[in-house]
Amino acid sequence: MPLPSAELDARRASVRAAPSGSVAVVDETALLDASAVAAHAGEALRSGRTSWRALPADIALVAGAGDDEAAVRRLVAGWAGQDEDTVARRARVLHRDELGAALRPEMWSLVAEHRRAGHRVVVTGHAPRPVLAPLAEDLAADELVTTEVDVRDGTLSGEVAGPVLVDDDGSAKAAALAAALDGRRPTFVYAGPCSSALLDAGERPLVVTPRETTCGDRPVLTVAERGGALATPGDVLRTAGFYGALLGGASAGAAVGLARRSRRHMVDLASSVTGDLGLALAGIDVDVRGAEHLWSARPCVFVFNHQSKLDVALLMKLLRGGFTGVAKAEAASIPLWGQMFSLAGVAFVERGNARQSKEALEPAVRKMRDEGWSLAIAPEGTRSPTPRLGPFKKGAFHIAMQAGVPMVPIVIHDAGEVMWRGHQTLRGGTVHVDVLPPVDTSSWTVATMTEHVEDVRNRFVATLEGAP
């Protein structure tokens, strides 16, 4: 689903018109609404790994000052003696929990368009390679041109290898880019307003900024403010209203369930109240296309892409009742949610324990067959740090085949914009949902399962990326 911007739609059309094989350079200043170097410095401060000598400068960096060559060198120096895999793993976690929320959705949309057009996507930046590697991987970039670090026998020396790609006008990046492309001039370059030399390296430069500005004769794409990680008073009130509705729905459901001696009535009422009233009090609207498919094929297996903690409430609003779900075992210990999941008959599965997972899922499968319940499950298995769709596990597909029921894909857009991973508060906004037509599973076999998983995942990808 394209983002609602005529300007962005025009840029996407320009990308589609460029020949296959064109080169698109995307700088971190265009991609992120935050400093990746400062984010990693902040993580080191919180973990107590920052040296006392670096402490004052890194505190200033996290506060918003001094993202320069000295900051990059301090960050790399702090990795001295550490295993390369350890640093990479820490970078992936920080990308998942923090930097993914700073990725501008407009740029995600444009990069996806470049990939579909068969263009070569190159990510540039001044942050060290371990910092930007998870972002480049999520974008499916073909190449990463950034500050390199010295690695000896799998251990970081704490030294930068080559120049730090940071200066006043992007000249260092432009020079490194020219070397990486063997002098070939890229067709597209996306960068922030201060990267004039890097922008001039491309045939079609585009300044990306959240603020109204003019940059000579260079075109400008004005993107939405991402906001900070700290909650505003409005966010706190919205979140309080949401959880108040959750408690109220659970209480009302319990009263009705006891009166009717039906756990199912209790759960269905609690789901409806939480989905409708909770999201309304949080200032979150839900725009649904294909809503008829939510009812036309029950019982079925609903599969959805997992972007946010809010996804559970979205499913409550969409599905209303008559369904249960699958969650990771840790979810059982989440206050309030864990108790509601247990009452709803949610199957708690342990990652990596196939035997336990099969046993936990058996009651849900029986309810589908015997009582007409539906099952909701996220085939990715975990939330994604960016809009990129993760690989699908086969469990949901085997369940649909064994139960003899259709599969209905629910494609969620924008949930990460109202509640990103790692955040505990809600922001107002609109979540768009596409419910795709039911997928017939009657001809599925174990031998052809890989093909069916890929087919359904491709439907998600096409819908998420707004493929024409």
Protein backbone atom coordinates (compact mmCIF):
# COMPACT_ATOMS: atom_id res chain seq x y z
CA MET A 1 0.00 0.00 0.00
CA PRO A 2 1.67 3.29 -1.06
CA LEU A 3 2.00 5.96 1.61
CA PRO A 4 -0.61 8.72 1.19
CA SER A 5 1.57 11.32 -0.55
CA ALA A 6 1.21 12.61 -4.11
CA GLU A 7 4.83 13.73 -3.99
CA LEU A 8 6.01 10.28 -2.95
CA ASP A 9 3.84 8.62 -5.60
CA ALA A 10 5.50 10.82 -8.23
CA ARG A 11 8.93 9.75 -6.99
CA ARG A 12 7.90 6.09 -7.14
CA ALA A 13 6.73 6.57 -10.72
CA SER A 14 10.09 8.13 -11.59
CA VAL A 15 11.86 5.11 -10.13
CA ARG A 16 9.72 2.70 -12.16
CA ALA A 17 10.54 4.62 -15.35
CA ALA A 18 14.31 4.25 -14.90
CA PRO A 19 15.92 1.33 -16.76
CA SER A 20 16.82 -1.90 -15.02
CA GLY A 21 20.38 -1.84 -13.74
CA SER A 22 20.26 1.80 -12.65
CA VAL A 23 22.14 2.56 -9.44
CA ALA A 24 20.32 4.10 -6.44
CA VAL A 25 22.44 5.44 -3.57
CA VAL A 26 20.65 5.90 -0.25
CA ASP A 27 22.50 7.66 2.55
CA GLU A 28 21.84 7.09 6.24
CA THR A 29 20.92 10.79 6.57
CA ALA A 30 17.96 10.09 4.30
CA LEU A 31 17.07 6.72 5.80
CA LEU A 32 17.15 7.45 9.52
CA ASP A 33 15.57 10.13 11.66
CA ALA A 34 18.19 9.50 14.35
CA SER A 35 21.94 9.17 14.73
CA ALA A 36 23.00 5.53 14.50
CA VAL A 37 26.34 6.36 16.14
CA ALA A 38 24.57 8.09 19.05
CA ALA A 39 22.22 5.11 19.45
CA HIS A 40 25.17 2.73 19.83
CA ALA A 41 26.95 5.11 22.17
CA GLY A 42 23.80 5.24 24.28
CA GLU A 43 23.60 1.44 24.40
CA ALA A 44 27.24 1.30 25.56
CA LEU A 45 26.49 3.88 28.27
CA ARG A 46 23.48 1.90 29.52
CA SER A 47 25.51 -1.31 29.55
CA GLY A 48 28.45 0.23 31.43
CA ARG A 49 30.97 -0.43 28.66
CA THR A 50 31.90 3.24 28.08
CA SER A 51 35.38 4.16 29.31
CA TRP A 52 35.62 7.00 31.81
CA ARG A 53 37.62 9.06 29.30
CA ALA A 54 34.88 8.79 26.69
CA LEU A 55 32.07 9.38 29.16
CA PRO A 56 31.60 13.19 28.86
CA ALA A 57 31.76 13.24 25.06
CA ASP A 58 29.42 10.27 24.68
CA ILE A 59 26.88 11.78 27.07
CA ALA A 60 26.95 14.93 24.93
CA LEU A 61 26.61 12.80 21.78
CA VAL A 62 23.53 11.03 23.11
CA ALA A 63 22.10 14.43 24.08
CA GLY A 64 22.35 15.51 20.43
CA ALA A 65 25.79 17.05 19.99
CA GLY A 66 28.98 15.95 18.28
CA ASP A 67 28.12 13.17 15.79
CA ASP A 68 31.43 13.62 14.01
CA GLU A 69 34.67 11.79 13.22
CA ALA A 70 35.74 11.80 16.87
CA ALA A 71 32.43 10.14 17.87
CA VAL A 72 32.90 7.38 15.29
CA ARG A 73 36.47 6.73 16.44
CA ARG A 74 35.38 6.60 20.10
CA LEU A 75 32.69 4.07 19.26
CA VAL A 76 35.12 1.86 17.35
CA ALA A 77 37.76 2.17 20.08
CA GLY A 78 35.23 0.83 22.56
CA TRP A 79 35.07 -2.39 20.53
CA ALA A 80 38.77 -3.15 20.97
CA GLY A 81 39.32 -6.80 21.85
CA GLN A 82 35.71 -7.79 21.26
CA ASP A 83 34.67 -10.67 19.05
CA GLU A 84 33.32 -9.62 15.65
CA ASP A 85 30.25 -11.82 16.01
CA THR A 86 29.46 -10.36 19.44
CA VAL A 87 29.52 -6.80 18.11
CA ALA A 88 27.39 -7.81 15.11
CA ARG A 89 24.85 -9.55 17.34
CA ARG A 90 24.60 -6.48 19.58
CA ALA A 91 24.09 -4.28 16.52
CA ARG A 92 21.22 -6.48 15.33
CA VAL A 93 19.53 -6.25 18.72
CA LEU A 94 19.83 -2.45 18.79
CA HIS A 95 18.54 -2.26 15.24
CA ARG A 96 15.57 -4.39 16.25
CA ASP A 97 14.79 -2.52 19.45
CA GLU A 98 15.66 1.09 18.58
CA LEU A 99 17.00 2.04 15.17
CA GLY A 100 14.26 0.22 13.27
CA ALA A 101 11.80 2.74 14.70
CA ALA A 102 13.87 5.60 13.23
CA LEU A 103 13.67 4.25 9.66
CA ARG A 104 11.65 6.63 7.51
CA PRO A 105 8.74 4.75 5.90
CA GLU A 106 8.88 6.99 2.84
CA MET A 107 12.43 5.85 2.13
CA TRP A 108 11.51 2.23 2.80
CA SER A 109 8.83 2.59 0.12
CA LEU A 110 11.26 4.10 -2.40
CA VAL A 111 13.92 1.48 -1.80
CA ALA A 112 11.32 -1.25 -2.30
CA GLU A 113 10.39 0.38 -5.60
CA HIS A 114 14.04 0.38 -6.68
CA ARG A 115 14.36 -3.32 -5.89
CA ARG A 116 11.24 -4.14 -7.89
CA ALA A 117 12.58 -2.12 -10.82
CA GLY A 118 15.78 -4.20 -10.85
CA HIS A 119 18.03 -1.38 -9.67
CA ARG A 120 21.28 -1.75 -7.76
CA VAL A 121 20.75 -0.32 -4.26
CA VAL A 122 23.80 1.04 -2.44
CA VAL A 123 23.55 2.23 1.18
CA THR A 124 26.09 4.82 2.32
CA GLY A 125 26.86 6.23 5.74
CA HIS A 126 29.53 7.43 8.12
CA ALA A 127 28.61 5.03 10.94
CA PRO A 128 30.90 1.97 11.18
CA ARG A 129 29.98 -1.11 9.13
CA PRO A 130 28.74 -3.21 12.10
CA VAL A 131 26.26 -0.43 12.94
CA LEU A 132 24.72 -0.08 9.46
CA ALA A 133 24.98 -3.71 8.32
CA PRO A 134 21.60 -4.77 9.87
CA LEU A 135 19.88 -1.82 8.19
CA ALA A 136 21.43 -2.61 4.80
CA GLU A 137 20.39 -6.24 5.22
CA ASP A 138 16.80 -5.31 6.05
CA LEU A 139 16.68 -3.09 2.97
CA ALA A 140 18.10 -5.94 0.86
CA ALA A 141 20.79 -3.53 -0.35
CA ASP A 142 23.31 -4.80 -2.86
CA GLU A 143 26.22 -2.95 -1.28
CA LEU A 144 27.17 -0.97 1.83
CA VAL A 145 29.71 1.85 1.51
CA THR A 146 30.58 3.10 4.95
CA THR A 147 33.34 3.52 7.54
CA GLU A 148 35.26 0.25 7.80
CA VAL A 149 36.74 -1.22 10.98
CA ASP A 150 39.92 -3.20 11.48
CA VAL A 151 39.35 -6.90 12.26
CA ARG A 152 42.17 -9.32 13.05
CA ASP A 153 41.42 -13.03 13.36
CA GLY A 154 37.77 -12.30 14.12
CA THR A 155 38.58 -9.72 16.80
CA LEU A 156 38.15 -5.96 16.47
CA SER A 157 41.31 -3.98 17.08
CA GLY A 158 39.52 -0.77 18.02
CA GLU A 159 40.90 1.03 14.97
CA VAL A 160 39.19 2.39 11.88
CA ALA A 161 40.34 0.85 8.59
CA GLY A 162 40.62 3.70 6.12
CA PRO A 163 38.89 7.08 6.31
CA VAL A 164 35.91 7.95 8.47
CA LEU A 165 33.24 8.93 5.96
CA VAL A 166 32.07 12.08 7.67
CA ASP A 167 32.70 15.73 6.75
CA ASP A 168 30.75 18.92 6.18
CA ASP A 169 29.41 18.20 2.69
CA GLY A 170 29.58 14.45 2.09
CA SER A 171 32.80 14.58 0.08
CA ALA A 172 34.27 11.56 1.85
CA LYS A 173 31.21 9.47 1.03
CA ALA A 174 31.25 10.68 -2.57
CA ALA A 175 34.89 9.64 -2.96
CA ALA A 176 34.31 6.21 -1.40
CA LEU A 177 31.23 5.75 -3.56
CA ALA A 178 33.15 6.59 -6.76
CA ALA A 179 35.73 3.95 -5.87
CA ALA A 180 33.06 1.34 -5.10
CA LEU A 181 31.27 2.00 -8.39
CA ASP A 182 34.47 2.21 -10.45
CA GLY A 183 33.64 5.77 -11.40
CA ARG A 184 30.15 4.97 -12.63
CA ARG A 185 27.75 7.78 -11.83
CA PRO A 186 24.64 6.64 -9.96
CA THR A 187 21.24 7.56 -11.37
CA PHE A 188 19.61 8.30 -8.00
CA VAL A 189 21.10 9.73 -4.80
CA TYR A 190 19.05 10.29 -1.63
CA ALA A 191 20.67 12.24 1.21
CA GLY A 192 20.10 14.91 3.83
CA PRO A 193 20.40 18.64 2.99
CA CYS A 194 24.01 18.96 4.22
CA SER A 195 25.39 16.30 1.86
CA SER A 196 25.87 18.50 -1.20
CA ALA A 197 28.94 16.68 -2.60
CA LEU A 198 27.24 13.30 -2.27
CA LEU A 199 24.04 14.62 -3.86
CA ASP A 200 26.02 16.09 -6.76
CA ALA A 201 27.46 12.64 -7.46
CA GLY A 202 24.09 11.46 -8.83
CA GLU A 203 22.15 12.28 -11.96
CA ARG A 204 18.90 12.64 -10.00
CA PRO A 205 19.69 13.91 -6.50
CA LEU A 206 16.88 14.15 -3.97
CA VAL A 207 17.19 15.94 -0.64
CA VAL A 208 15.28 14.10 2.10
CA THR A 209 14.31 16.11 5.16
CA PRO A 210 11.47 16.39 7.70
CA ARG A 211 11.65 20.18 7.55
CA GLU A 212 10.54 22.59 4.86
CA THR A 213 13.71 23.79 3.14
CA THR A 214 15.21 24.82 -0.17
CA CYS A 215 18.51 23.42 -1.42
CA GLY A 216 19.27 25.47 -4.49
CA ASP A 217 17.83 23.81 -7.55
CA ARG A 218 17.86 20.32 -6.00
CA PRO A 219 14.42 18.73 -5.54
CA VAL A 220 13.32 18.06 -1.96
CA LEU A 221 11.22 15.24 -0.51
CA THR A 222 9.66 16.38 2.75
CA VAL A 223 9.09 13.39 5.01
CA ALA A 224 7.06 13.09 8.20
CA GLU A 225 8.63 13.71 11.58
CA ARG A 226 9.33 10.39 13.26
CA GLY A 227 9.12 11.73 16.80
CA GLY A 228 11.32 10.68 19.68
CA ALA A 229 11.46 7.58 21.82
CA LEU A 230 10.14 9.52 24.83
CA ALA A 231 6.39 9.50 25.29
CA THR A 232 4.44 12.75 25.17
CA PRO A 233 1.66 13.48 27.71
CA GLY A 234 -0.83 12.69 24.94
CA ASP A 235 0.81 9.31 24.35
CA VAL A 236 0.54 8.49 28.04
CA LEU A 237 -3.16 9.42 28.11
CA ARG A 238 -3.87 7.36 24.99
CA THR A 239 -2.08 4.38 26.47
CA ALA A 240 -3.92 4.73 29.78
CA GLY A 241 -7.23 4.83 27.91
CA PHE A 242 -6.33 1.72 25.95
CA TYR A 243 -5.40 -0.33 29.02
CA GLY A 244 -8.40 1.03 30.89
CA ALA A 245 -10.59 -0.35 28.12
CA LEU A 246 -8.73 -3.65 28.31
CA LEU A 247 -9.42 -3.92 32.04
CA GLY A 248 -13.03 -2.85 31.54
CA GLY A 249 -13.53 -5.36 28.75
CA ALA A 250 -12.01 -8.15 30.80
CA SER A 251 -14.25 -7.28 33.76
CA ALA A 252 -17.40 -7.08 31.63
CA GLY A 253 -16.50 -10.29 29.87
CA ALA A 254 -15.91 -12.05 33.17
CA ALA A 255 -19.32 -10.98 34.47
CA VAL A 256 -21.13 -12.16 31.32
CA GLY A 257 -19.09 -15.35 31.16
CA LEU A 258 -19.94 -16.24 34.75
CA ALA A 259 -23.61 -15.47 34.21
CA ARG A 260 -23.78 -17.63 31.11
CA ARG A 261 -21.23 -20.16 32.35
CA SER A 262 -19.32 -19.71 29.12
CA ARG A 263 -15.63 -18.89 28.87
CA ARG A 264 -16.11 -18.32 25.15
CA HIS A 265 -18.67 -15.52 25.72
CA MET A 266 -16.29 -13.94 28.23
CA VAL A 267 -13.36 -13.91 25.81
CA ASP A 268 -15.40 -12.75 22.82
CA LEU A 269 -16.88 -9.79 24.72
CA ALA A 270 -13.51 -8.80 26.16
CA SER A 271 -11.99 -8.96 22.68
CA SER A 272 -14.70 -6.78 21.14
CA VAL A 273 -14.53 -4.12 23.87
CA THR A 274 -10.74 -3.97 23.80
CA GLY A 275 -10.60 -3.84 20.01
CA ASP A 276 -13.28 -1.16 19.57
CA LEU A 277 -13.16 0.99 22.67
CA GLY A 278 -9.47 0.53 23.44
CA LEU A 279 -8.27 1.59 20.01
CA ALA A 280 -10.78 4.47 19.92
CA LEU A 281 -9.51 5.83 23.26
CA ALA A 282 -5.95 5.48 21.98
CA GLY A 283 -6.81 7.65 18.97
CA ILE A 284 -6.09 4.82 16.53
CA ASP A 285 -8.33 4.31 13.51
CA VAL A 286 -8.35 1.09 11.49
CA ASP A 287 -8.98 1.27 7.75
CA VAL A 288 -9.83 -2.19 6.38
CA ARG A 289 -9.97 -3.32 2.78
CA GLY A 290 -11.41 -6.75 2.02
CA ALA A 291 -13.30 -6.98 5.34
CA GLU A 292 -15.70 -9.49 3.80
CA HIS A 293 -12.90 -12.08 3.80
CA LEU A 294 -12.82 -11.97 7.61
CA TRP A 295 -16.10 -13.91 7.67
CA SER A 296 -16.49 -15.72 4.37
CA ALA A 297 -14.29 -18.74 5.10
CA ARG A 298 -14.55 -19.50 8.81
CA PRO A 299 -13.34 -21.69 10.36
CA CYS A 300 -9.92 -20.88 8.93
CA VAL A 301 -6.33 -20.08 9.79
CA PHE A 302 -5.73 -16.33 9.80
CA VAL A 303 -2.08 -15.47 9.13
CA PHE A 304 -0.80 -11.94 9.77
CA ASN A 305 2.48 -10.05 9.59
CA HIS A 306 3.74 -9.14 13.06
CA GLN A 307 4.88 -5.50 13.37
CA SER A 308 3.92 -4.35 16.84
CA LYS A 309 2.56 -5.27 20.25
CA LEU A 310 -0.62 -3.59 19.03
CA ASP A 311 -1.26 -6.42 16.56
CA VAL A 312 -3.16 -8.41 19.19
CA ALA A 313 -5.63 -5.57 19.75
CA LEU A 314 -6.00 -5.13 15.99
CA LEU A 315 -6.90 -8.80 15.62
CA MET A 316 -9.44 -8.46 18.43
CA LYS A 317 -11.14 -5.63 16.54
CA LEU A 318 -11.00 -7.39 13.19
CA LEU A 319 -11.96 -10.92 14.21
CA ARG A 320 -14.35 -10.03 17.08
CA GLY A 321 -14.61 -13.54 18.47
CA GLY A 322 -14.67 -17.19 17.66
CA PHE A 323 -10.93 -17.45 17.38
CA THR A 324 -7.86 -18.33 19.37
CA GLY A 325 -4.19 -17.87 18.67
CA VAL A 326 -0.60 -18.98 19.03
CA ALA A 327 2.00 -17.09 21.06
CA LYS A 328 5.56 -17.62 22.25
CA ALA A 329 5.83 -19.19 25.70
CA GLU A 330 7.14 -15.94 27.25
CA ALA A 331 3.83 -14.20 26.46
CA ALA A 332 2.12 -16.21 29.20
CA SER A 333 3.95 -14.13 31.82
CA ILE A 334 2.94 -10.71 30.43
CA PRO A 335 0.69 -9.01 33.01
CA LEU A 336 -3.01 -9.02 32.02
CA TRP A 337 -2.32 -10.10 28.44
CA GLY A 338 -0.98 -13.45 29.62
CA GLN A 339 -4.10 -14.14 31.67
CA MET A 340 -6.37 -13.17 28.77
CA PHE A 341 -4.38 -15.36 26.38
CA SER A 342 -4.74 -18.31 28.73
CA LEU A 343 -8.51 -17.81 29.07
CA ALA A 344 -8.81 -17.57 25.29
CA GLY A 345 -7.14 -20.92 24.85
CA VAL A 346 -4.04 -19.47 23.19
CA ALA A 347 -1.39 -22.12 22.49
CA PHE A 348 1.92 -21.17 24.07
CA VAL A 349 4.82 -22.65 22.13
CA GLU A 350 8.50 -22.81 22.99
CA ARG A 351 10.82 -21.71 20.23
CA GLY A 352 13.03 -24.50 18.97
CA ASN A 353 10.98 -27.21 20.74
CA ALA A 354 9.06 -28.93 17.95
CA ARG A 355 7.63 -31.64 20.21
CA GLN A 356 6.26 -29.17 22.77
CA SER A 357 4.87 -26.95 20.02
CA LYS A 358 2.98 -29.84 18.42
CA GLU A 359 1.48 -30.86 21.76
CA ALA A 360 0.50 -27.26 22.59
CA LEU A 361 -1.23 -26.82 19.23
CA GLU A 362 -3.31 -29.99 19.34
CA PRO A 363 -6.18 -28.46 21.42
CA ALA A 364 -6.44 -25.51 19.01
CA VAL A 365 -6.59 -27.83 16.02
CA ARG A 366 -9.34 -29.88 17.70
CA LYS A 367 -11.36 -26.73 18.38
CA MET A 368 -11.12 -25.81 14.71
CA ARG A 369 -12.36 -29.23 13.65
CA ASP A 370 -14.97 -29.87 16.34
CA GLU A 371 -16.22 -26.43 17.42
CA GLY A 372 -15.65 -24.23 14.37
CA TRP A 373 -13.06 -21.97 15.95
CA SER A 374 -10.54 -20.13 13.80
CA LEU A 375 -6.84 -19.75 14.57
CA ALA A 376 -4.72 -16.58 14.25
CA ILE A 377 -0.97 -16.99 13.92
CA ALA A 378 2.02 -14.89 12.80
CA PRO A 379 4.06 -17.13 10.48
CA GLU A 380 7.17 -14.93 10.96
CA GLY A 381 7.26 -16.13 14.57
CA THR A 382 8.41 -12.76 15.94
CA ARG A 383 7.96 -9.04 15.38
CA SER A 384 9.96 -7.43 12.59
CA PRO A 385 12.10 -4.35 13.42
CA THR A 386 11.22 -2.73 10.08
CA PRO A 387 8.43 -3.12 7.53
CA ARG A 388 10.47 -5.90 5.91
CA LEU A 389 8.63 -9.21 6.02
CA GLY A 390 10.60 -11.96 7.71
CA PRO A 391 10.77 -15.57 6.53
CA PHE A 392 7.65 -17.65 7.15
CA LYS A 393 7.68 -20.76 9.31
CA LYS A 394 5.59 -23.71 8.12
CA GLY A 395 3.61 -24.40 11.29
CA ALA A 396 0.50 -22.39 10.35
CA PHE A 397 0.45 -24.00 6.91
CA HIS A 398 0.61 -27.53 8.29
CA ILE A 399 -2.22 -26.70 10.70
CA ALA A 400 -4.45 -25.40 7.90
CA MET A 401 -3.74 -28.47 5.79
CA GLN A 402 -4.33 -30.92 8.66
CA ALA A 403 -7.53 -29.21 9.79
CA GLY A 404 -8.81 -28.99 6.21
CA VAL A 405 -9.59 -25.27 6.45
CA PRO A 406 -8.73 -22.27 4.23
CA MET A 407 -5.99 -19.76 5.05
CA VAL A 408 -6.84 -16.04 5.14
CA PRO A 409 -3.91 -13.57 4.94
CA ILE A 410 -4.25 -10.36 6.99
CA VAL A 411 -1.71 -7.75 5.84
CA ILE A 412 -1.11 -5.05 8.47
CA HIS A 413 0.39 -1.71 7.44
CA ASP A 414 1.51 1.13 9.71
CA ALA A 415 1.14 -0.64 13.08
CA GLY A 416 4.77 0.15 13.75
CA GLU A 417 3.96 3.83 13.32
CA VAL A 418 1.64 3.87 16.32
CA MET A 419 3.54 1.45 18.56
CA TRP A 420 7.07 0.45 17.62
CA ARG A 421 9.03 -2.40 19.06
CA GLY A 422 10.57 -1.49 22.40
CA HIS A 423 8.02 1.28 23.04
CA GLN A 424 5.38 0.93 25.72
CA THR A 425 3.12 3.83 24.73
CA LEU A 426 0.71 4.39 21.85
CA ARG A 427 0.60 7.23 19.35
CA GLY A 428 -2.51 8.32 17.50
CA GLY A 429 -2.81 7.47 13.82
CA THR A 430 -4.39 5.19 11.26
CA VAL A 431 -3.52 1.55 10.72
CA HIS A 432 -4.35 0.20 7.27
CA VAL A 433 -5.24 -3.46 6.88
CA ASP A 434 -5.71 -5.53 3.73
CA VAL A 435 -7.57 -8.81 4.16
CA LEU A 436 -6.77 -10.97 1.13
CA PRO A 437 -9.10 -13.58 -0.35
CA PRO A 438 -9.06 -17.02 1.32
CA VAL A 439 -6.46 -19.47 0.06
CA ASP A 440 -7.81 -22.95 -0.66
CA THR A 441 -5.69 -25.60 1.08
CA SER A 442 -7.59 -28.70 -0.05
CA SER A 443 -4.93 -29.73 -2.56
CA TRP A 444 -1.93 -29.05 -0.31
CA THR A 445 0.46 -31.86 0.53
CA VAL A 446 3.57 -32.10 2.66
CA ALA A 447 5.62 -32.51 -0.53
CA THR A 448 4.37 -29.19 -1.95
CA MET A 449 4.34 -27.23 1.32
CA THR A 450 7.39 -25.09 0.50
CA GLU A 451 5.68 -23.82 -2.63
CA HIS A 452 2.51 -22.88 -0.71
CA VAL A 453 4.49 -21.02 1.95
CA GLU A 454 6.34 -19.04 -0.72
CA ASP A 455 3.11 -18.28 -2.59
CA VAL A 456 1.35 -16.88 0.48
CA ARG A 457 4.42 -14.91 1.55
CA ASN A 458 4.69 -13.38 -1.94
CA ARG A 459 1.09 -12.18 -1.58
CA PHE A 460 2.07 -10.41 1.63
CA VAL A 461 5.15 -8.85 0.02
CA ALA A 462 3.23 -7.58 -3.00
CA THR A 463 0.56 -6.01 -0.78
CA LEU A 464 3.00 -4.51 1.73
CA GLU A 465 5.14 -2.93 -0.97
CA GLY A 466 2.19 -1.68 -2.97
CA ALA A 467 3.25 -3.44 -6.15
CA PRO A 468 1.24 -2.15 -9.12
